[in-house]
Amino acid sequence: MIKKIAVLTSGGDAPGMNACVRSVIRTCLYHGIEPYVVYDGFNGLIKGDLVKVDKKFTQDIINRGGTIILTSRLPEFTDVELQKRAIQNLKNAEIDALIGIGGDGTFKGLRDLSVLGFPIIGIPATIDNDVASTDKTIGFDTALNTICGCVDKIKDTSSSHQRCSVIEVMGRHCGDLAIFSSIAEAAELTITFDHRTSEAKIFKKLKEMHDRDKGHAIVIVSERLMDVKEFAKKIEKETGFETRAEILGRLQRGGIPTAEDRILASRFGATAVDLLRHGFFGRVIGIKKNAVVDFDIEQALQMERDIHRNLINLIDILQ
């Protein structure tokens, strides 16, 4: 029987993590389970930084960005001795199961604990939306709306000065933030790992726009593909379009989570506790066609990400 559950957040912070922590804690309390938080992710776990919490701890956190229980990345957690130390710290606190909130890196750490026999559940939370076992991750919707708000503002100055703006968004090797924001913002060009266009075609299109007095242009680019500042210089040289590069950076991580992210996080947190209550361990939660689902964690880590070919085709039609 599960009597004590601990929860941690790990990896990059994502809006909605606090809502998920809140859901885990309150669902535990509803079922008579003692909730604990682990401060600072796996780093806190190997230090034994576990604290028992109550309902008061969850007050006024659902609308806060970031994570109040802190987060970190710990590449060294692949060391089996550190994993064993983490499990021993959990056992010393008489914790029966651990819920981890984060992305693939978090899932790998949880998988390793599961292999060593400790009960775990993983919840996907990352603004990149790059977890293959779910249609959406906690934080993606908020980050997308943040990007759209920034692009709207950039458009104001871009159109005023008749400029081309090359805007770099986050996502690592996943182009979802670029693809979704491009559609929402009617970008003239979109460049991601899954939607590449030759420089010659880019320059040709932008030059044609400039020559017919199109007031401005928006180009949205996934991070890690190129040096957008140098690319902006190339565009200006080849097309005559005055061009500026804008790197949105970490502001995409922050901010008040959207209602969609708060609701998704609340559903995931409650489901995680219910799985543990019913004896299901070594699972990760996701959402498919608006239904909350769960998969074996090893199976989830082997899944291939949906590259949204239908949306990429839509971009080609609309641009």
Protein backbone atom coordinates (compact mmCIF):
# COMPACT_ATOMS: atom_id res chain seq x y z
CA MET A 1 0.00 0.00 0.00
CA ILE A 2 1.25 3.47 -0.93
CA LYS A 3 1.42 5.68 2.17
CA LYS A 4 3.95 8.34 1.16
CA ILE A 5 4.63 9.88 -2.26
CA ALA A 6 7.36 12.36 -3.16
CA VAL A 7 7.32 14.70 -6.15
CA LEU A 8 10.16 16.54 -7.90
CA THR A 9 10.64 18.79 -10.91
CA SER A 10 13.70 18.35 -13.09
CA GLY A 11 15.35 19.78 -16.20
CA GLY A 12 14.22 23.04 -17.77
CA ASP A 13 11.41 24.79 -15.95
CA ALA A 14 8.04 24.97 -17.69
CA PRO A 15 4.91 27.02 -16.88
CA GLY A 16 2.37 24.71 -15.26
CA MET A 17 4.85 22.73 -13.17
CA ASN A 18 3.47 24.34 -10.01
CA ALA A 19 -0.07 23.42 -11.02
CA CYS A 20 1.08 19.82 -11.40
CA VAL A 21 2.85 19.80 -8.04
CA ARG A 22 -0.33 21.21 -6.51
CA SER A 23 -2.43 18.48 -8.11
CA VAL A 24 -0.13 15.71 -6.88
CA ILE A 25 -0.14 17.04 -3.32
CA ARG A 26 -3.89 17.63 -3.12
CA THR A 27 -4.74 14.26 -4.70
CA CYS A 28 -2.46 12.57 -2.16
CA LEU A 29 -4.16 14.36 0.71
CA TYR A 30 -7.62 13.48 -0.64
CA HIS A 31 -6.71 9.79 -0.53
CA GLY A 32 -4.96 9.89 2.84
CA ILE A 33 -1.44 9.69 1.40
CA GLU A 34 1.37 11.79 2.90
CA PRO A 35 2.89 14.08 0.22
CA TYR A 36 6.55 15.10 0.14
CA VAL A 37 8.45 17.44 -2.17
CA VAL A 38 12.05 17.07 -3.28
CA TYR A 39 13.79 20.39 -3.69
CA ASP A 40 16.10 20.97 -6.68
CA GLY A 41 15.29 17.87 -8.74
CA PHE A 42 17.62 14.86 -8.76
CA ASN A 43 20.32 17.02 -7.20
CA GLY A 44 18.12 17.43 -4.12
CA LEU A 45 17.24 13.75 -4.19
CA ILE A 46 20.86 12.63 -3.78
CA LYS A 47 21.26 15.18 -0.98
CA GLY A 48 18.14 13.97 0.79
CA ASP A 49 16.38 17.33 0.56
CA LEU A 50 12.85 15.98 1.10
CA VAL A 51 10.15 17.89 2.97
CA LYS A 52 6.68 16.80 4.02
CA VAL A 53 4.04 19.31 2.88
CA ASP A 54 0.37 20.02 3.46
CA LYS A 55 -2.51 21.74 1.70
CA LYS A 56 -1.29 25.18 2.76
CA PHE A 57 1.86 24.62 0.71
CA THR A 58 -0.25 24.56 -2.45
CA GLN A 59 -2.09 27.83 -1.88
CA ASP A 60 -1.77 30.42 -4.66
CA ILE A 61 0.75 28.46 -6.74
CA ILE A 62 -1.45 27.28 -9.63
CA ASN A 63 -0.97 30.54 -11.52
CA ARG A 64 2.77 30.89 -10.88
CA GLY A 65 5.38 30.21 -13.54
CA GLY A 66 8.59 28.32 -12.91
CA THR A 67 8.66 25.75 -10.11
CA ILE A 68 8.52 26.59 -6.43
CA ILE A 69 10.34 23.36 -5.55
CA LEU A 70 13.25 24.36 -7.83
CA THR A 71 14.84 22.39 -10.62
CA SER A 72 18.25 21.48 -11.98
CA ARG A 73 19.99 19.29 -14.51
CA LEU A 74 22.25 16.51 -13.22
CA PRO A 75 24.06 14.64 -16.03
CA GLU A 76 25.98 12.72 -13.37
CA PHE A 77 22.77 10.91 -12.37
CA THR A 78 23.68 8.17 -14.87
CA ASP A 79 26.07 6.97 -12.13
CA VAL A 80 24.45 3.91 -10.51
CA GLU A 81 25.97 4.81 -7.14
CA LEU A 82 24.17 8.17 -7.20
CA GLN A 83 20.95 6.40 -8.16
CA LYS A 84 21.34 4.03 -5.22
CA ARG A 85 22.01 6.97 -2.90
CA ALA A 86 18.81 8.64 -4.14
CA ILE A 87 16.79 5.50 -3.47
CA GLN A 88 18.32 5.13 -0.03
CA ASN A 89 17.35 8.71 0.82
CA LEU A 90 13.79 7.97 -0.29
CA LYS A 91 13.72 4.82 1.82
CA ASN A 92 15.17 6.67 4.82
CA ALA A 93 12.18 9.01 4.63
CA GLU A 94 9.91 5.95 4.18
CA ILE A 95 8.79 7.23 0.76
CA ASP A 96 6.94 4.52 -1.19
CA ALA A 97 6.96 6.11 -4.65
CA LEU A 98 8.34 9.06 -6.61
CA ILE A 99 6.65 11.26 -9.23
CA GLY A 100 9.00 13.15 -11.52
CA ILE A 101 7.88 16.14 -13.64
CA GLY A 102 10.05 17.04 -16.62
CA GLY A 103 11.19 16.00 -20.11
CA ASP A 104 13.08 13.07 -21.61
CA GLY A 105 16.11 13.66 -19.39
CA THR A 106 13.90 13.42 -16.32
CA PHE A 107 12.27 10.27 -17.69
CA LYS A 108 15.69 8.64 -18.17
CA GLY A 109 16.58 9.32 -14.55
CA LEU A 110 13.24 7.91 -13.41
CA ARG A 111 13.72 4.86 -15.67
CA ASP A 112 17.05 4.15 -13.99
CA LEU A 113 15.41 4.28 -10.55
CA SER A 114 12.67 1.98 -11.81
CA VAL A 115 15.26 -0.52 -13.09
CA LEU A 116 16.68 -0.58 -9.55
CA GLY A 117 13.21 -1.47 -8.25
CA PHE A 118 11.86 1.84 -6.98
CA PRO A 119 8.25 2.75 -7.93
CA ILE A 120 8.08 5.83 -10.18
CA ILE A 121 5.71 7.77 -12.44
CA GLY A 122 6.83 10.35 -15.03
CA ILE A 123 4.86 13.44 -16.04
CA PRO A 124 5.88 15.30 -19.25
CA ALA A 125 6.63 19.00 -18.71
CA THR A 126 8.76 20.94 -21.17
CA ILE A 127 8.07 23.97 -23.34
CA ASP A 128 9.69 22.17 -26.31
CA ASN A 129 6.87 19.61 -26.65
CA ASP A 130 9.51 17.04 -27.61
CA VAL A 131 8.25 14.08 -25.56
CA ALA A 132 7.06 11.48 -28.06
CA SER A 133 4.60 9.72 -25.75
CA THR A 134 2.22 12.68 -25.49
CA ASP A 135 0.50 15.08 -27.88
CA LYS A 136 1.23 17.98 -25.55
CA THR A 137 3.57 18.60 -22.66
CA ILE A 138 2.95 20.90 -19.71
CA GLY A 139 4.32 24.35 -20.60
CA PHE A 140 4.07 24.13 -24.38
CA ASP A 141 0.84 26.10 -24.69
CA THR A 142 2.10 28.92 -22.47
CA ALA A 143 5.40 29.16 -24.34
CA LEU A 144 3.54 29.21 -27.65
CA ASN A 145 1.34 32.07 -26.46
CA THR A 146 4.41 33.91 -25.17
CA ILE A 147 6.04 33.61 -28.58
CA CYS A 148 2.90 34.86 -30.31
CA GLY A 149 2.77 37.87 -27.99
CA CYS A 150 6.41 38.69 -28.76
CA VAL A 151 5.96 38.29 -32.52
CA ASP A 152 2.90 40.55 -32.42
CA LYS A 153 5.04 43.26 -30.85
CA ILE A 154 7.93 42.72 -33.25
CA LYS A 155 5.48 43.02 -36.15
CA ASP A 156 4.56 46.52 -34.99
CA THR A 157 8.10 47.83 -35.29
CA SER A 158 8.93 45.62 -38.27
CA SER A 159 6.06 47.01 -40.31
CA SER A 160 6.76 50.57 -39.16
CA HIS A 161 10.32 50.35 -40.51
CA GLN A 162 9.50 48.01 -43.43
CA ARG A 163 11.91 45.40 -42.13
CA CYS A 164 12.36 41.67 -42.31
CA SER A 165 12.58 40.11 -38.83
CA VAL A 166 14.30 36.75 -38.32
CA ILE A 167 12.99 35.38 -35.02
CA GLU A 168 14.66 32.45 -33.27
CA VAL A 169 12.45 30.35 -30.99
CA MET A 170 13.32 27.49 -28.65
CA GLY A 171 12.58 23.80 -29.10
CA ARG A 172 15.99 22.12 -29.36
CA HIS A 173 15.63 19.60 -32.22
CA CYS A 174 11.83 19.74 -32.07
CA GLY A 175 10.21 22.31 -34.36
CA ASP A 176 6.79 22.46 -32.69
CA LEU A 177 7.15 25.95 -31.24
CA ALA A 178 8.30 27.27 -34.62
CA ILE A 179 5.64 25.40 -36.58
CA PHE A 180 2.69 26.29 -34.35
CA SER A 181 3.74 29.93 -33.92
CA SER A 182 4.34 30.32 -37.66
CA ILE A 183 0.77 29.31 -38.40
CA ALA A 184 -0.65 31.45 -35.60
CA GLU A 185 1.40 34.49 -36.67
CA ALA A 186 1.12 34.07 -40.46
CA ALA A 187 4.90 34.04 -40.82
CA GLU A 188 6.23 34.42 -44.33
CA LEU A 189 8.89 31.72 -43.83
CA THR A 190 9.46 28.89 -41.35
CA ILE A 191 12.76 27.05 -40.92
CA THR A 192 13.01 23.97 -38.65
CA PHE A 193 14.92 20.68 -38.65
CA ASP A 194 11.87 19.06 -40.29
CA HIS A 195 11.08 21.97 -42.64
CA ARG A 196 14.23 23.19 -44.32
CA THR A 197 14.39 25.57 -47.26
CA SER A 198 17.45 26.40 -49.35
CA GLU A 199 18.96 29.85 -48.92
CA ALA A 200 18.40 30.49 -52.61
CA LYS A 201 14.64 29.96 -52.27
CA ILE A 202 14.51 32.07 -49.11
CA PHE A 203 16.36 34.96 -50.73
CA LYS A 204 14.23 34.71 -53.89
CA LYS A 205 10.96 34.88 -51.96
CA LEU A 206 12.06 37.76 -49.74
CA LYS A 207 13.49 39.72 -52.68
CA GLU A 208 10.20 39.35 -54.55
CA MET A 209 8.35 40.59 -51.46
CA HIS A 210 10.70 43.54 -51.11
CA ASP A 211 10.48 44.44 -54.79
CA ARG A 212 6.69 44.53 -54.73
CA ASP A 213 6.76 46.77 -51.66
CA LYS A 214 5.52 44.20 -49.14
CA GLY A 215 5.79 46.21 -45.94
CA HIS A 216 7.57 43.67 -43.77
CA ALA A 217 8.37 39.98 -43.40
CA ILE A 218 8.52 37.54 -40.48
CA VAL A 219 10.86 34.53 -40.61
CA ILE A 220 10.60 32.08 -37.70
CA VAL A 221 13.58 29.76 -37.09
CA SER A 222 14.12 26.91 -34.63
CA GLU A 223 17.15 27.30 -32.38
CA ARG A 224 20.40 25.43 -33.07
CA LEU A 225 19.89 25.53 -36.83
CA MET A 226 21.99 28.58 -37.65
CA ASP A 227 23.46 31.83 -36.43
CA VAL A 228 20.39 34.00 -36.98
CA LYS A 229 22.37 37.23 -36.71
CA GLU A 230 24.65 36.20 -39.56
CA PHE A 231 21.64 34.91 -41.50
CA ALA A 232 19.92 38.28 -41.11
CA LYS A 233 22.99 39.98 -42.60
CA LYS A 234 22.87 37.59 -45.57
CA ILE A 235 19.19 38.31 -46.15
CA GLU A 236 19.79 42.05 -46.16
CA LYS A 237 22.71 41.73 -48.58
CA GLU A 238 20.91 39.39 -51.00
CA THR A 239 17.42 40.93 -50.97
CA GLY A 240 17.73 44.61 -50.09
CA PHE A 241 15.33 44.02 -47.18
CA GLU A 242 16.55 45.77 -44.03
CA THR A 243 16.74 42.81 -41.66
CA ARG A 244 17.03 42.31 -37.91
CA ALA A 245 17.55 39.15 -35.88
CA GLU A 246 15.55 38.59 -32.68
CA ILE A 247 16.44 35.78 -30.25
CA LEU A 248 13.55 35.32 -27.83
CA GLY A 249 15.59 33.11 -25.51
CA ARG A 250 14.57 32.18 -21.98
CA LEU A 251 11.67 34.58 -21.73
CA GLN A 252 9.79 31.76 -23.50
CA ARG A 253 10.12 29.68 -20.32
CA GLY A 254 8.57 32.18 -17.95
CA GLY A 255 5.21 33.74 -17.37
CA ILE A 256 1.80 32.89 -15.98
CA PRO A 257 0.68 29.48 -17.27
CA THR A 258 -2.33 29.45 -19.57
CA ALA A 259 -5.60 27.88 -18.50
CA GLU A 260 -4.87 24.97 -20.85
CA ASP A 261 -1.53 24.25 -19.17
CA ARG A 262 -3.05 24.51 -15.68
CA ILE A 263 -5.81 22.07 -16.57
CA LEU A 264 -3.45 19.64 -18.31
CA ALA A 265 -1.07 19.74 -15.35
CA SER A 266 -3.92 19.13 -12.91
CA ARG A 267 -5.13 16.12 -14.91
CA PHE A 268 -1.63 14.66 -15.12
CA GLY A 269 -0.90 15.12 -11.41
CA ALA A 270 -4.12 13.43 -10.27
CA THR A 271 -3.63 10.55 -12.73
CA ALA A 272 -0.07 9.95 -11.50
CA VAL A 273 -1.24 9.50 -7.92
CA ASP A 274 -4.12 7.24 -9.02
CA LEU A 275 -1.75 4.99 -10.97
CA LEU A 276 0.45 4.55 -7.92
CA ARG A 277 -2.58 3.90 -5.68
CA HIS A 278 -3.64 1.08 -7.98
CA GLY A 279 -0.23 -0.52 -8.16
CA PHE A 280 0.95 0.73 -11.56
CA PHE A 281 4.65 1.63 -11.45
CA GLY A 282 7.29 2.48 -14.02
CA ARG A 283 4.81 4.44 -16.15
CA VAL A 284 4.72 7.84 -17.84
CA ILE A 285 1.60 9.87 -18.45
CA GLY A 286 0.57 11.59 -21.65
CA ILE A 287 -2.42 12.91 -23.52
CA LYS A 288 -3.65 11.49 -26.82
CA LYS A 289 -6.72 12.91 -28.56
CA ASN A 290 -7.58 14.71 -25.29
CA ALA A 291 -7.61 11.45 -23.29
CA VAL A 292 -5.04 10.96 -20.53
CA VAL A 293 -3.03 7.81 -21.23
CA ASP A 294 -0.02 6.04 -19.74
CA PHE A 295 2.82 3.96 -21.12
CA ASP A 296 5.65 1.83 -19.82
CA ILE A 297 8.54 4.26 -19.33
CA GLU A 298 10.99 2.26 -21.45
CA GLN A 299 8.43 2.03 -24.24
CA ALA A 300 7.81 5.78 -24.01
CA LEU A 301 11.51 6.58 -24.32
CA GLN A 302 11.73 4.49 -27.50
CA MET A 303 8.80 6.19 -29.26
CA GLU A 304 9.36 8.42 -32.28
CA ARG A 305 8.15 11.99 -32.13
CA ASP A 306 5.31 13.16 -34.35
CA ILE A 307 6.74 15.81 -36.69
CA HIS A 308 3.25 17.14 -37.55
CA ARG A 309 3.54 16.58 -41.29
CA ASN A 310 -0.03 17.87 -41.72
CA LEU A 311 0.89 21.21 -40.16
CA ILE A 312 4.09 21.44 -42.20
CA ASN A 313 2.00 20.92 -45.33
CA LEU A 314 -0.38 23.63 -44.11
CA ILE A 315 2.53 26.03 -43.70
CA ASP A 316 3.56 25.39 -47.32
CA ILE A 317 0.02 26.11 -48.49
CA LEU A 318 -0.46 29.27 -46.44
CA GLN A 319 2.96 30.81 -46.97
